[in-house]
């Protein structure tokens, strides 16, 4: 059997971490088995579904690199097909029209709850209605088997048994003719030949109903795997305060997609003590049957640790590609001038937890800063720094080759000749060129800033020192 999985989000909001983990598990299973990964947009909730949410889902999938082989398919484009299947089920007797009024159903529910029974439709219209009322447009219900049990051989939870007597006759088409969620899912999974349904365990109670409908349509149900939900570190349902935000907000916060994917695959699954997985390793090692059936806890600190790891260890070109987005947010176009981005990443990767930090700390390489850090300027741009900076400027002007090694030689030799510790020269120079006392090694910093900008910024620093009031 060829593996065919699907990720089927509803476009009523952004792609959050729970949905992204489900998409990842579906994608990994398909890739691992040489199968097909399908993206299906379940947009039958017309009031809540939006084009913006569809865009957010597609952007999130693209950023994460979860490319789909088929789709995206939209359920709203398949209404004629759903109507066709409903007509077939009515004809074959696996579905029927129900004319029960809203008032009758509400009264039935209240009576059942008063008797402490599970609310369910009592099947009044199941045998057929001899004289259908003209003033009540009917819904269509699935004729669920009254006896026996549905056995779900879940890849994660093991065997789960549902008694058919506990399942009522589900509405599959509303009075206006529009199909319901559980029915559209069944038709889609059947038509798309889905072999494995990997989804959140909040759908587990839908599974026996969907399996019964598939069997009524003469279709073998797929294999199911219900992934447990993600909780916050405090054990509460994951929310925005825990980090349950849009996948794209992680991009905005400066995370690499590799880090988020690595973190998500480890939420409920493990392979020995290994913490870091490349995508190729995920495809090779991931086993849906070894996903834990218990809930997983979201740990923002662990995600941050992974992000630092990937910033430090990924290919320079890869990090630079993602860094360019964040430089752009600062109004910087690296292609318009400035140092090679891979060199910037190489210089900054050891001291950045996120790409936002790296971009902010690297902005001075590409554009002039507005002001010095007040405390750093007060500490290092003092009158006693004037002579060393002036001499440095003269010697840097005469350098034949603007390279880290030659710059380093100039700075160290000047410090020796003046009898100063290297920091007494390097720190004023760093504040002059970077605007603050934190940057990569001074020789690398000057090399990346470039000769022209370096000399102009030293001149600016000397002017800043000259303007300081003379103290007695």
Protein backbone atom coordinates (compact mmCIF):
# COMPACT_ATOMS: atom_id res chain seq x y z
CA UNK A 1 0.00 0.00 0.00
CA UNK A 2 1.43 3.36 -1.05
CA UNK A 3 1.53 5.78 1.87
CA UNK A 4 -0.71 8.81 1.36
CA UNK A 5 -1.03 11.24 4.25
CA UNK A 6 -2.82 14.53 4.50
CA UNK A 7 -2.62 17.67 6.61
CA UNK A 8 -6.07 19.20 6.74
CA UNK A 9 -6.21 22.50 8.66
CA UNK A 10 -9.27 24.70 8.95
CA UNK A 11 -8.48 28.27 7.82
CA UNK A 12 -10.03 29.95 10.83
CA UNK A 13 -6.72 31.23 12.22
CA UNK A 14 -2.97 30.94 11.89
CA UNK A 15 -0.89 27.78 11.70
CA UNK A 16 0.03 27.16 15.35
CA UNK A 17 2.65 24.84 16.82
CA UNK A 18 0.20 21.98 17.40
CA UNK A 19 -0.91 22.05 13.78
CA UNK A 20 2.69 22.39 12.61
CA UNK A 21 3.69 19.30 14.59
CA UNK A 22 0.81 17.31 13.04
CA UNK A 23 1.85 18.50 9.58
CA UNK A 24 5.44 17.50 10.30
CA UNK A 25 4.46 14.00 11.44
CA UNK A 26 2.30 13.53 8.31
CA UNK A 27 5.10 14.83 6.08
CA UNK A 28 7.73 12.63 7.73
CA UNK A 29 5.60 9.51 7.39
CA UNK A 30 5.03 10.14 3.69
CA UNK A 31 8.68 10.92 3.03
CA UNK A 32 9.89 7.94 5.04
CA UNK A 33 7.72 5.53 3.05
CA UNK A 34 8.21 7.08 -0.37
CA UNK A 35 4.60 8.21 -0.34
CA UNK A 36 2.53 11.32 -1.01
CA UNK A 37 1.83 14.24 1.31
CA UNK A 38 -1.39 16.14 0.59
CA UNK A 39 -2.48 19.56 1.81
CA UNK A 40 -6.24 19.95 2.19
CA UNK A 41 -7.92 23.15 3.37
CA UNK A 42 -11.10 22.29 5.27
CA UNK A 43 -12.93 25.57 4.75
CA UNK A 44 -16.57 24.53 5.03
CA UNK A 45 -17.02 26.85 8.03
CA UNK A 46 -17.86 29.75 5.76
CA UNK A 47 -18.40 32.25 8.56
CA UNK A 48 -14.99 31.76 10.18
CA UNK A 49 -12.80 30.76 7.24
CA UNK A 50 -10.73 33.60 5.75
CA UNK A 51 -8.33 34.08 2.88
CA UNK A 52 -5.86 35.59 5.35
CA UNK A 53 -5.85 32.35 7.34
CA UNK A 54 -5.26 30.33 4.19
CA UNK A 55 -2.29 32.57 3.37
CA UNK A 56 -0.96 32.18 6.92
CA UNK A 57 -1.14 28.38 6.65
CA UNK A 58 0.58 28.32 3.25
CA UNK A 59 3.30 30.73 4.44
CA UNK A 60 3.92 28.65 7.54
CA UNK A 61 4.23 25.44 5.52
CA UNK A 62 6.61 27.10 3.07
CA UNK A 63 8.80 28.60 5.79
CA UNK A 64 9.06 25.25 7.55
CA UNK A 65 9.94 23.53 4.29
CA UNK A 66 7.02 21.08 4.49
CA UNK A 67 6.41 20.92 0.76
CA UNK A 68 3.25 19.10 -0.27
CA UNK A 69 2.97 16.81 -3.27
CA UNK A 70 -0.71 17.45 -4.00
CA UNK A 71 -2.98 20.35 -3.23
CA UNK A 72 -3.90 22.58 -1.70
CA UNK A 73 -7.40 21.19 -2.14
CA UNK A 74 -10.32 23.30 -0.86
CA UNK A 75 -13.47 21.64 0.41
CA UNK A 76 -15.58 24.56 -0.77
CA UNK A 77 -14.59 23.61 -4.34
CA UNK A 78 -15.94 20.08 -3.84
CA UNK A 79 -19.57 20.74 -2.89
CA UNK A 80 -20.97 19.09 -6.04
CA UNK A 81 -19.06 15.92 -5.16
CA UNK A 82 -20.46 15.91 -1.62
CA UNK A 83 -23.99 16.34 -2.95
CA UNK A 84 -23.41 13.43 -5.31
CA UNK A 85 -22.34 11.13 -2.45
CA UNK A 86 -25.25 12.23 -0.26
CA UNK A 87 -27.69 11.42 -3.06
CA UNK A 88 -26.07 7.99 -3.41
CA UNK A 89 -26.36 7.29 0.32
CA UNK A 90 -30.02 8.32 0.36
CA UNK A 91 -30.66 6.02 -2.58
CA UNK A 92 -28.80 3.09 -0.99
CA UNK A 93 -30.52 3.58 2.37
CA UNK A 94 -27.39 4.40 4.38
CA UNK A 95 -28.73 7.90 5.01
CA UNK A 96 -32.19 9.39 5.54
CA UNK A 97 -34.03 12.70 5.77
CA UNK A 98 -34.82 13.95 9.26
CA UNK A 99 -37.64 16.45 9.77
CA UNK A 100 -37.37 16.86 13.53
CA UNK A 101 -37.70 20.47 14.55
CA UNK A 102 -35.14 22.32 16.59
CA UNK A 103 -37.63 22.54 19.45
CA UNK A 104 -38.17 18.76 19.50
CA UNK A 105 -34.44 18.07 19.51
CA UNK A 106 -33.82 20.56 22.33
CA UNK A 107 -36.62 18.99 24.38
CA UNK A 108 -35.23 15.49 23.72
CA UNK A 109 -31.78 16.59 24.82
CA UNK A 110 -33.10 18.19 28.02
CA UNK A 111 -35.04 15.04 28.93
CA UNK A 112 -32.03 12.80 28.32
CA UNK A 113 -29.77 14.99 30.43
CA UNK A 114 -32.36 15.06 33.21
CA UNK A 115 -32.18 11.26 33.21
CA UNK A 116 -28.36 11.55 33.20
CA UNK A 117 -28.20 9.90 29.80
CA UNK A 118 -25.77 10.78 27.05
CA UNK A 119 -27.62 13.16 24.69
CA UNK A 120 -28.19 11.54 21.31
CA UNK A 121 -30.73 11.53 18.52
CA UNK A 122 -33.43 8.92 19.15
CA UNK A 123 -33.87 7.85 15.52
CA UNK A 124 -37.46 9.04 15.17
CA UNK A 125 -37.16 9.65 11.41
CA UNK A 126 -34.91 6.66 10.76
CA UNK A 127 -37.73 4.34 9.54
CA UNK A 128 -38.90 7.04 7.14
CA UNK A 129 -41.57 9.73 7.36
CA UNK A 130 -44.81 8.84 5.61
CA UNK A 131 -46.01 12.42 5.26
CA UNK A 132 -43.06 14.81 5.39
CA UNK A 133 -44.02 18.27 6.67
CA UNK A 134 -43.80 20.90 3.99
CA UNK A 135 -42.71 23.70 6.28
CA UNK A 136 -39.58 21.96 7.67
CA UNK A 137 -36.60 21.57 5.34
CA UNK A 138 -34.98 18.29 6.33
CA UNK A 139 -31.43 17.54 7.31
CA UNK A 140 -29.74 14.35 6.16
CA UNK A 141 -28.54 11.88 8.78
CA UNK A 142 -26.19 8.95 8.42
CA UNK A 143 -27.82 5.65 9.38
CA UNK A 144 -25.25 4.48 11.91
CA UNK A 145 -25.16 0.71 12.62
CA UNK A 146 -27.24 0.13 15.80
CA UNK A 147 -25.25 -2.84 17.09
CA UNK A 148 -21.69 -4.05 17.37
CA UNK A 149 -18.55 -2.03 17.93
CA UNK A 150 -16.00 0.02 16.02
CA UNK A 151 -12.44 -1.04 16.76
CA UNK A 152 -9.79 1.59 16.05
CA UNK A 153 -6.30 0.11 15.84
CA UNK A 154 -4.55 3.35 16.59
CA UNK A 155 -0.82 3.48 15.87
CA UNK A 156 -0.22 5.64 18.94
CA UNK A 157 -2.98 4.79 21.41
CA UNK A 158 -3.32 1.11 20.61
CA UNK A 159 -6.74 -0.50 20.31
CA UNK A 160 -9.68 1.79 21.11
CA UNK A 161 -13.21 0.34 21.06
CA UNK A 162 -16.42 2.31 20.55
CA UNK A 163 -19.87 0.76 20.91
CA UNK A 164 -22.18 1.64 18.05
CA UNK A 165 -25.02 1.99 20.55
CA UNK A 166 -23.18 5.08 21.87
CA UNK A 167 -23.04 6.73 18.46
CA UNK A 168 -26.11 8.51 17.17
CA UNK A 169 -27.18 9.15 13.61
CA UNK A 170 -24.91 12.02 12.66
CA UNK A 171 -26.16 14.89 10.50
CA UNK A 172 -24.19 14.81 7.25
CA UNK A 173 -26.07 17.60 5.43
CA UNK A 174 -27.74 20.62 6.98
CA UNK A 175 -31.21 21.85 6.08
CA UNK A 176 -29.70 24.26 3.53
CA UNK A 177 -27.97 21.35 1.82
CA UNK A 178 -24.46 22.20 3.00
CA UNK A 179 -22.37 19.19 4.10
CA UNK A 180 -21.02 18.85 7.63
CA UNK A 181 -17.40 18.46 8.68
CA UNK A 182 -17.40 14.75 9.51
CA UNK A 183 -19.00 13.91 6.19
CA UNK A 184 -16.69 16.02 4.00
CA UNK A 185 -13.66 14.49 5.72
CA UNK A 186 -14.93 11.02 4.88
CA UNK A 187 -15.53 11.79 1.21
CA UNK A 188 -12.17 13.54 0.88
CA UNK A 189 -10.23 10.73 2.55
CA UNK A 190 -12.01 8.24 0.28
CA UNK A 191 -11.50 10.18 -2.95
CA UNK A 192 -7.89 11.06 -2.16
CA UNK A 193 -7.07 7.46 -1.23
CA UNK A 194 -5.64 8.47 2.14
CA UNK A 195 -3.82 5.52 3.68
CA UNK A 196 -2.87 7.03 7.04
CA UNK A 197 -4.68 9.73 9.00
CA UNK A 198 -2.33 11.37 11.50
CA UNK A 199 -4.12 14.06 13.48
CA UNK A 200 -4.71 15.46 16.96
CA UNK A 201 -6.40 13.26 19.53
CA UNK A 202 -9.23 15.78 19.82
CA UNK A 203 -10.53 14.05 16.66
CA UNK A 204 -10.51 10.57 18.20
CA UNK A 205 -14.25 10.63 18.96
CA UNK A 206 -14.95 11.47 15.32
CA UNK A 207 -13.05 8.41 14.11
CA UNK A 208 -15.69 5.67 14.74
CA UNK A 209 -18.36 7.72 12.96
CA UNK A 210 -16.05 8.35 10.02
CA UNK A 211 -15.05 4.68 9.86
CA UNK A 212 -18.70 3.62 9.78
CA UNK A 213 -19.44 6.06 6.96
CA UNK A 214 -16.44 4.87 4.96
CA UNK A 215 -17.56 1.26 5.34
CA UNK A 216 -21.10 2.22 4.29
CA UNK A 217 -19.55 3.68 1.14
CA UNK A 218 -17.66 0.45 0.50
CA UNK A 219 -14.30 1.99 1.32
CA UNK A 220 -11.69 0.50 3.63
CA UNK A 221 -10.87 3.00 6.41
CA UNK A 222 -7.32 4.34 6.58
CA UNK A 223 -4.93 3.61 9.43
CA UNK A 224 -5.29 6.16 12.23
CA UNK A 225 -2.75 7.73 14.57
CA UNK A 226 -4.03 10.28 17.06
CA UNK A 227 -1.33 12.59 18.36
CA UNK A 228 -1.74 13.81 21.96
CA UNK A 229 -2.16 17.48 22.60
CA UNK A 230 0.61 19.86 23.68
CA UNK A 231 0.48 21.42 27.14
CA UNK A 232 2.31 24.38 28.59
CA UNK A 233 5.16 23.89 31.09
CA UNK A 234 2.63 24.37 33.91
CA UNK A 235 0.44 21.50 32.66
CA UNK A 236 -2.32 23.80 31.42
CA UNK A 237 -3.62 23.82 27.87
CA UNK A 238 -1.10 25.48 25.58
CA UNK A 239 -1.88 29.16 25.10
CA UNK A 240 -0.21 32.30 23.79
CA UNK A 241 1.53 32.89 27.12
CA UNK A 242 3.27 29.52 26.69
CA UNK A 243 4.30 30.17 23.11
CA UNK A 244 1.25 28.87 21.25
CA UNK A 245 1.51 31.53 18.62
CA UNK A 246 1.55 31.50 14.86
CA UNK A 247 4.42 29.59 13.29
CA UNK A 248 5.27 32.79 11.42
CA UNK A 249 5.66 34.64 14.70
CA UNK A 250 8.59 32.36 15.42
CA UNK A 251 10.09 33.61 12.20
CA UNK A 252 9.45 37.18 13.32
CA UNK A 253 11.12 36.39 16.66
CA UNK A 254 14.27 35.23 14.89
CA UNK A 255 14.02 31.45 14.95
CA UNK A 256 15.38 29.24 12.20
CA UNK A 257 12.80 26.83 10.76
CA UNK A 258 15.26 24.00 11.38
CA UNK A 259 15.16 24.70 15.11
CA UNK A 260 11.37 24.71 15.26
CA UNK A 261 11.11 21.50 13.23
CA UNK A 262 13.68 19.80 15.45
CA UNK A 263 11.82 20.94 18.54
CA UNK A 264 8.43 19.82 17.25
CA UNK A 265 9.62 16.33 16.27
CA UNK A 266 10.84 15.83 19.83
CA UNK A 267 7.48 16.82 21.34
CA UNK A 268 6.22 13.35 22.21
CA UNK A 269 8.82 11.32 20.30
CA UNK A 270 12.41 10.38 21.03
CA UNK A 271 15.26 8.34 19.63
CA UNK A 272 17.48 7.38 22.51
CA UNK A 273 19.12 10.44 24.04
CA UNK A 274 19.56 12.25 20.72
CA UNK A 275 18.35 15.85 20.85
CA UNK A 276 19.46 17.32 17.54
CA UNK A 277 18.09 15.91 14.29
CA UNK A 278 18.66 17.04 10.74
CA UNK A 279 15.69 16.73 8.41
CA UNK A 280 17.31 13.70 6.79
CA UNK A 281 17.72 12.09 10.20
CA UNK A 282 14.09 12.80 11.04
CA UNK A 283 12.96 11.08 7.86
CA UNK A 284 15.20 8.10 8.54
CA UNK A 285 14.52 7.66 12.27
CA UNK A 286 11.01 8.95 12.97
CA UNK A 287 8.52 6.25 13.95
CA UNK A 288 4.89 7.28 14.41
CA UNK A 289 4.25 4.13 16.47
CA UNK A 290 6.77 5.39 19.04
CA UNK A 291 5.05 8.70 19.61
CA UNK A 292 4.02 8.81 23.26
CA UNK A 293 0.31 8.56 24.00
CA UNK A 294 0.61 11.03 26.87
CA UNK A 295 0.56 14.79 26.46
CA UNK A 296 3.75 16.67 25.62
CA UNK A 297 4.94 19.79 27.46
CA UNK A 298 6.10 22.86 25.54
CA UNK A 299 9.43 24.22 26.77
CA UNK A 300 10.41 27.63 25.32
CA UNK A 301 13.89 27.41 26.85
CA UNK A 302 14.60 24.17 25.03
CA UNK A 303 13.44 25.71 21.77
CA UNK A 304 15.76 28.68 22.34
CA UNK A 305 18.65 26.30 23.04
CA UNK A 306 18.01 24.52 19.75
CA UNK A 307 17.83 27.83 17.92
CA UNK A 308 21.23 28.84 19.26
CA UNK A 309 22.59 25.46 18.22
CA UNK A 310 21.36 25.84 14.66
CA UNK A 311 22.58 29.43 14.38
CA UNK A 312 26.04 28.28 15.48
CA UNK A 313 26.22 25.08 13.44
CA UNK A 314 24.18 25.49 10.27
CA UNK A 315 25.80 26.34 6.96
CA UNK A 316 26.70 30.02 6.75
CA UNK A 317 24.72 30.44 3.54
CA UNK A 318 21.60 28.99 5.15
CA UNK A 319 21.76 31.30 8.18
CA UNK A 320 22.56 34.28 5.95
CA UNK A 321 19.50 33.56 3.82
CA UNK A 322 17.23 33.79 6.85
CA UNK A 323 19.16 36.70 8.38
CA UNK A 324 18.54 38.81 5.28
CA UNK A 325 14.82 38.90 6.13
CA UNK A 326 15.52 40.41 9.54
CA UNK A 327 18.00 42.92 8.16
CA UNK A 328 15.28 43.93 5.72
CA UNK A 329 12.96 44.58 8.68
CA UNK A 330 15.56 47.11 9.84
CA UNK A 331 15.53 48.84 6.47
CA UNK A 332 18.79 47.25 5.33
CA UNK A 333 19.32 45.75 1.89
CA UNK A 334 22.56 43.75 2.15
CA UNK A 335 22.77 43.57 -1.64
CA UNK A 336 22.99 47.37 -1.84
CA UNK A 337 26.39 47.51 -0.18
CA UNK A 338 28.24 46.37 2.88
CA UNK A 339 30.04 43.22 3.90
CA UNK A 340 29.29 39.75 2.58
CA UNK A 341 26.48 38.34 4.72
CA UNK A 342 28.13 34.98 5.26
CA UNK A 343 31.13 36.78 6.78
CA UNK A 344 28.77 38.67 9.10
CA UNK A 345 27.13 35.41 10.19
CA UNK A 346 30.56 33.88 10.78
CA UNK A 347 31.52 36.80 12.98
CA UNK A 348 28.27 37.03 14.92
CA UNK A 349 26.91 33.47 15.22
CA UNK A 350 28.58 32.69 18.56
CA UNK A 351 26.94 35.62 20.31
CA UNK A 352 23.35 35.52 19.05
CA UNK A 353 20.43 33.51 20.38
CA UNK A 354 18.08 34.65 17.65
CA UNK A 355 18.34 36.12 14.17
CA UNK A 356 16.65 39.25 15.47
CA UNK A 357 19.54 39.74 17.88
CA UNK A 358 22.04 39.03 15.12
CA UNK A 359 20.38 41.52 12.78
CA UNK A 360 20.24 44.24 15.43
CA UNK A 361 23.85 43.63 16.43
CA UNK A 362 24.96 43.65 12.80
CA UNK A 363 23.08 46.72 11.55
CA UNK A 364 26.14 48.96 12.09
CA UNK A 365 28.02 47.01 9.42
CA UNK A 366 25.58 48.28 6.80
CA UNK A 367 24.39 51.68 7.95
CA UNK A 368 25.51 54.45 10.28
CA UNK A 369 24.06 54.39 13.78
CA UNK A 370 22.16 57.39 15.10
CA UNK A 371 23.90 57.68 18.45
CA UNK A 372 26.45 56.05 20.71
CA UNK A 373 25.38 53.92 23.61
CA UNK A 374 25.44 56.59 26.36
CA UNK A 375 27.18 54.48 29.00
CA UNK A 376 29.73 53.03 26.56
CA UNK A 377 30.53 56.45 25.14
CA UNK A 378 30.95 57.88 28.63
CA UNK A 379 33.29 55.04 29.57
CA UNK A 380 35.46 54.92 26.46
CA UNK A 381 35.19 58.10 24.39
CA UNK A 382 37.12 60.17 26.92
CA UNK A 383 39.71 62.86 26.24
CA UNK A 384 42.53 60.37 26.87
CA UNK A 385 41.24 58.32 23.90
CA UNK A 386 41.78 61.20 21.49
CA UNK A 387 45.52 60.63 20.83
CA UNK A 388 45.29 56.84 20.30
CA UNK A 389 42.29 57.21 17.99
CA UNK A 390 44.02 59.95 15.99
CA UNK A 391 47.15 57.85 15.54
CA UNK A 392 45.06 54.82 14.64
CA UNK A 393 43.25 56.81 12.02
CA UNK A 394 46.50 57.87 10.41
CA UNK A 395 47.94 54.35 10.40
CA UNK A 396 44.73 52.73 9.16
CA UNK A 397 44.58 55.26 6.33
CA UNK A 398 47.97 54.10 5.11
CA UNK A 399 47.20 50.37 5.20
CA UNK A 400 47.83 48.82 1.80
CA UNK A 401 45.58 45.81 2.45
CA UNK A 402 42.34 46.10 4.44
CA UNK A 403 42.38 42.69 6.09
CA UNK A 404 41.83 41.43 9.62
CA UNK A 405 45.48 40.42 9.99
CA UNK A 406 46.90 43.79 8.95
CA UNK A 407 44.34 45.67 11.05
CA UNK A 408 45.21 43.53 14.05
CA UNK A 409 48.89 44.30 13.59
CA UNK A 410 48.28 48.06 13.50
CA UNK A 411 46.15 48.02 16.67
CA UNK A 412 48.48 45.80 18.70
CA UNK A 413 51.66 47.64 17.67
CA UNK A 414 50.13 51.00 18.56
CA UNK A 415 49.11 49.69 21.98
CA UNK A 416 52.67 48.46 22.55
CA UNK A 417 54.23 51.75 21.43
CA UNK A 418 51.97 53.74 23.78
CA UNK A 419 52.44 51.31 26.66
CA UNK A 420 48.73 50.63 26.85
CA UNK A 421 46.75 47.44 27.27
CA UNK A 422 45.00 46.41 24.09
CA UNK A 423 41.57 47.14 25.57
CA UNK A 424 42.49 50.78 26.14
CA UNK A 425 42.69 51.18 22.39
CA UNK A 426 40.30 48.51 21.15
CA UNK A 427 37.33 49.61 23.25
CA UNK A 428 37.31 53.30 22.24
CA UNK A 429 37.82 52.13 18.65
CA UNK A 430 34.93 49.66 18.98
CA UNK A 431 32.57 52.34 20.34
CA UNK A 432 33.68 54.68 17.60
CA UNK A 433 32.98 52.18 14.83
CA UNK A 434 30.09 50.13 16.24
CA UNK A 435 28.41 52.67 18.49
CA UNK A 436 28.81 50.46 21.55
CA UNK A 437 31.38 48.39 23.40
CA UNK A 438 30.14 45.00 22.14
CA UNK A 439 31.09 43.63 18.74
CA UNK A 440 33.10 40.82 17.19
CA UNK A 441 36.91 41.00 17.59
CA UNK A 442 38.08 44.49 16.69
CA UNK A 443 40.09 43.45 13.65
CA UNK A 444 37.12 41.51 12.22
CA UNK A 445 34.78 44.39 13.08
CA UNK A 446 36.86 46.94 11.18
CA UNK A 447 37.39 44.61 8.24
CA UNK A 448 33.63 44.11 7.85
CA UNK A 449 32.76 47.78 8.30
CA UNK A 450 35.27 48.69 5.59
CA UNK A 451 38.01 51.32 5.36
CA UNK A 452 35.89 54.28 4.30
CA UNK A 453 33.21 53.87 6.95
CA UNK A 454 35.79 53.10 9.63
CA UNK A 455 37.75 56.30 8.99
CA UNK A 456 34.57 58.41 8.88
CA UNK A 457 33.36 56.93 12.16
CA UNK A 458 36.71 57.54 13.85
CA UNK A 459 36.45 61.17 12.72
CA UNK A 460 32.97 61.32 14.22
CA UNK A 461 34.24 59.89 17.51
CA UNK A 462 37.10 62.40 17.63
CA UNK A 463 34.60 65.21 17.08
CA UNK A 464 32.45 63.77 19.88
CA UNK A 465 35.48 63.83 22.20
CA UNK A 466 36.41 67.40 21.20
CA UNK A 467 32.90 68.61 22.02
CA UNK A 468 33.05 67.29 25.56
CA UNK A 469 33.25 69.98 28.21
CA UNK A 470 36.67 70.41 29.76
CA UNK A 471 36.67 69.44 33.41
CA UNK A 472 38.93 71.08 35.94
